[in-house]
């Protein structure tokens, strides 16, 4: 027994619709993801919100942050603002 779609027959009754086995996998594939495209290649999708930072700039940022933290700790302990427990 299969489930069929029933449609009105125009006389107040219902008649079964055509029992077709649609290819539901084809409906799940979006052409923008490459599978449905003729050459099977993904399209180039630009992301205007993403501007990657260069490696040199990011390394310099983290080194500068580490140096600033070190300077603040040395200055804090050197002036007595912080003092070691003991």
C-alpha atoms as a PDB file:
ATOM      1  CA  UNK A   1       0.000   0.000   0.000  1.00  0.00           C
ATOM      2  CA  UNK A   2       1.354   3.401  -0.937  1.00  0.00           C
ATOM      3  CA  UNK A   3       0.387   6.873   0.086  1.00  0.00           C
ATOM      4  CA  UNK A   4      -1.078   8.824  -2.788  1.00  0.00           C
ATOM      5  CA  UNK A   5      -2.191  12.386  -3.104  1.00  0.00           C
ATOM      6  CA  UNK A   6      -5.937  12.662  -3.613  1.00  0.00           C
ATOM      7  CA  UNK A   7      -7.470  15.518  -5.529  1.00  0.00           C
ATOM      8  CA  UNK A   8     -11.079  16.618  -5.932  1.00  0.00           C
ATOM      9  CA  UNK A   9     -12.699  15.000  -8.942  1.00  0.00           C
ATOM     10  CA  UNK A  10     -15.097  17.869  -9.575  1.00  0.00           C
ATOM     11  CA  UNK A  11     -18.155  15.898  -8.429  1.00  0.00           C
ATOM     12  CA  UNK A  12     -17.606  16.130  -4.686  1.00  0.00           C
ATOM     13  CA  UNK A  13     -15.411  13.057  -4.457  1.00  0.00           C
ATOM     14  CA  UNK A  14     -11.698  12.396  -4.423  1.00  0.00           C
ATOM     15  CA  UNK A  15      -9.551  10.660  -6.985  1.00  0.00           C
ATOM     16  CA  UNK A  16      -6.002   9.459  -6.469  1.00  0.00           C
ATOM     17  CA  UNK A  17      -3.356  11.561  -8.091  1.00  0.00           C
ATOM     18  CA  UNK A  18      -0.649  10.136 -10.279  1.00  0.00           C
ATOM     19  CA  UNK A  19       1.770   8.006  -8.277  1.00  0.00           C
ATOM     20  CA  UNK A  20       5.122   9.300  -9.388  1.00  0.00           C
ATOM     21  CA  UNK A  21       8.371   8.662  -7.638  1.00  0.00           C
ATOM     22  CA  UNK A  22      10.028  12.084  -7.817  1.00  0.00           C
ATOM     23  CA  UNK A  23      13.765  12.264  -7.518  1.00  0.00           C
ATOM     24  CA  UNK A  24      13.840  14.006  -4.142  1.00  0.00           C
ATOM     25  CA  UNK A  25      17.645  13.988  -4.062  1.00  0.00           C
ATOM     26  CA  UNK A  26      17.684  16.301  -7.058  1.00  0.00           C
ATOM     27  CA  UNK A  27      15.449  18.713  -5.152  1.00  0.00           C
ATOM     28  CA  UNK A  28      17.883  18.773  -2.235  1.00  0.00           C
ATOM     29  CA  UNK A  29      20.831  19.781  -4.360  1.00  0.00           C
ATOM     30  CA  UNK A  30      21.223  23.472  -4.812  1.00  0.00           C
ATOM     31  CA  UNK A  31      22.897  24.504  -8.059  1.00  0.00           C
ATOM     32  CA  UNK A  32      25.100  26.948  -6.209  1.00  0.00           C
ATOM     33  CA  UNK A  33      26.937  24.125  -4.425  1.00  0.00           C
ATOM     34  CA  UNK A  34      28.380  22.653  -7.578  1.00  0.00           C
ATOM     35  CA  UNK A  35      26.590  19.300  -7.832  1.00  0.00           C
ATOM     36  CA  UNK A  36      23.831  20.634 -10.044  1.00  0.00           C
ATOM     37  CA  UNK A  37      26.145  22.708 -12.188  1.00  0.00           C
ATOM     38  CA  UNK A  38      27.241  21.530 -15.606  1.00  0.00           C
ATOM     39  CA  UNK A  39      30.984  21.523 -14.880  1.00  0.00           C
ATOM     40  CA  UNK A  40      30.574  20.293 -11.255  1.00  0.00           C
ATOM     41  CA  UNK A  41      32.666  23.224 -10.013  1.00  0.00           C
ATOM     42  CA  UNK A  42      31.791  25.442  -7.111  1.00  0.00           C
ATOM     43  CA  UNK A  43      31.161  29.043  -8.064  1.00  0.00           C
ATOM     44  CA  UNK A  44      33.380  31.731  -6.646  1.00  0.00           C
ATOM     45  CA  UNK A  45      31.346  33.277  -3.853  1.00  0.00           C
ATOM     46  CA  UNK A  46      32.844  36.481  -2.524  1.00  0.00           C
ATOM     47  CA  UNK A  47      32.407  37.313   1.136  1.00  0.00           C
ATOM     48  CA  UNK A  48      32.436  41.111   1.422  1.00  0.00           C
ATOM     49  CA  UNK A  49      32.269  40.952   5.235  1.00  0.00           C
ATOM     50  CA  UNK A  50      35.507  39.004   5.540  1.00  0.00           C
ATOM     51  CA  UNK A  51      38.778  40.819   4.999  1.00  0.00           C
ATOM     52  CA  UNK A  52      41.507  38.509   6.286  1.00  0.00           C
ATOM     53  CA  UNK A  53      44.329  40.009   8.290  1.00  0.00           C
ATOM     54  CA  UNK A  54      47.822  39.352   7.012  1.00  0.00           C
ATOM     55  CA  UNK A  55      49.969  36.950   9.006  1.00  0.00           C
ATOM     56  CA  UNK A  56      52.643  39.556   9.683  1.00  0.00           C
ATOM     57  CA  UNK A  57      50.115  42.048  11.037  1.00  0.00           C
ATOM     58  CA  UNK A  58      48.485  39.483  13.326  1.00  0.00           C
ATOM     59  CA  UNK A  59      51.856  38.276  14.691  1.00  0.00           C
ATOM     60  CA  UNK A  60      52.926  41.864  15.342  1.00  0.00           C
ATOM     61  CA  UNK A  61      49.640  42.558  17.140  1.00  0.00           C
ATOM     62  CA  UNK A  62      50.060  39.600  19.519  1.00  0.00           C
ATOM     63  CA  UNK A  63      53.732  40.400  20.157  1.00  0.00           C
ATOM     64  CA  UNK A  64      52.853  44.022  20.930  1.00  0.00           C
ATOM     65  CA  UNK A  65      50.072  42.899  23.273  1.00  0.00           C
ATOM     66  CA  UNK A  66      52.461  40.530  25.061  1.00  0.00           C
ATOM     67  CA  UNK A  67      55.103  43.285  25.380  1.00  0.00           C
ATOM     68  CA  UNK A  68      52.548  45.765  26.723  1.00  0.00           C
ATOM     69  CA  UNK A  69      51.331  43.217  29.280  1.00  0.00           C
ATOM     70  CA  UNK A  70      54.908  42.519  30.381  1.00  0.00           C
ATOM     71  CA  UNK A  71      55.666  46.241  30.726  1.00  0.00           C
ATOM     72  CA  UNK A  72      52.516  46.810  32.784  1.00  0.00           C
ATOM     73  CA  UNK A  73      53.340  43.909  35.110  1.00  0.00           C
ATOM     74  CA  UNK A  74      56.943  45.022  35.612  1.00  0.00           C
ATOM     75  CA  UNK A  75      55.869  48.636  36.201  1.00  0.00           C
ATOM     76  CA  UNK A  76      53.104  47.548  38.597  1.00  0.00           C
ATOM     77  CA  UNK A  77      55.390  45.376  40.705  1.00  0.00           C
ATOM     78  CA  UNK A  78      58.294  47.861  40.447  1.00  0.00           C
ATOM     79  CA  UNK A  79      56.277  50.792  41.783  1.00  0.00           C
ATOM     80  CA  UNK A  80      54.617  48.745  44.512  1.00  0.00           C
ATOM     81  CA  UNK A  81      51.169  49.061  42.970  1.00  0.00           C
ATOM     82  CA  UNK A  82      51.010  45.258  43.096  1.00  0.00           C
ATOM     83  CA  UNK A  83      52.980  43.276  45.579  1.00  0.00           C
ATOM     84  CA  UNK A  84      53.807  39.586  45.677  1.00  0.00           C
ATOM     85  CA  UNK A  85      52.081  37.590  48.383  1.00  0.00           C
ATOM     86  CA  UNK A  86      54.424  36.143  50.915  1.00  0.00           C
END
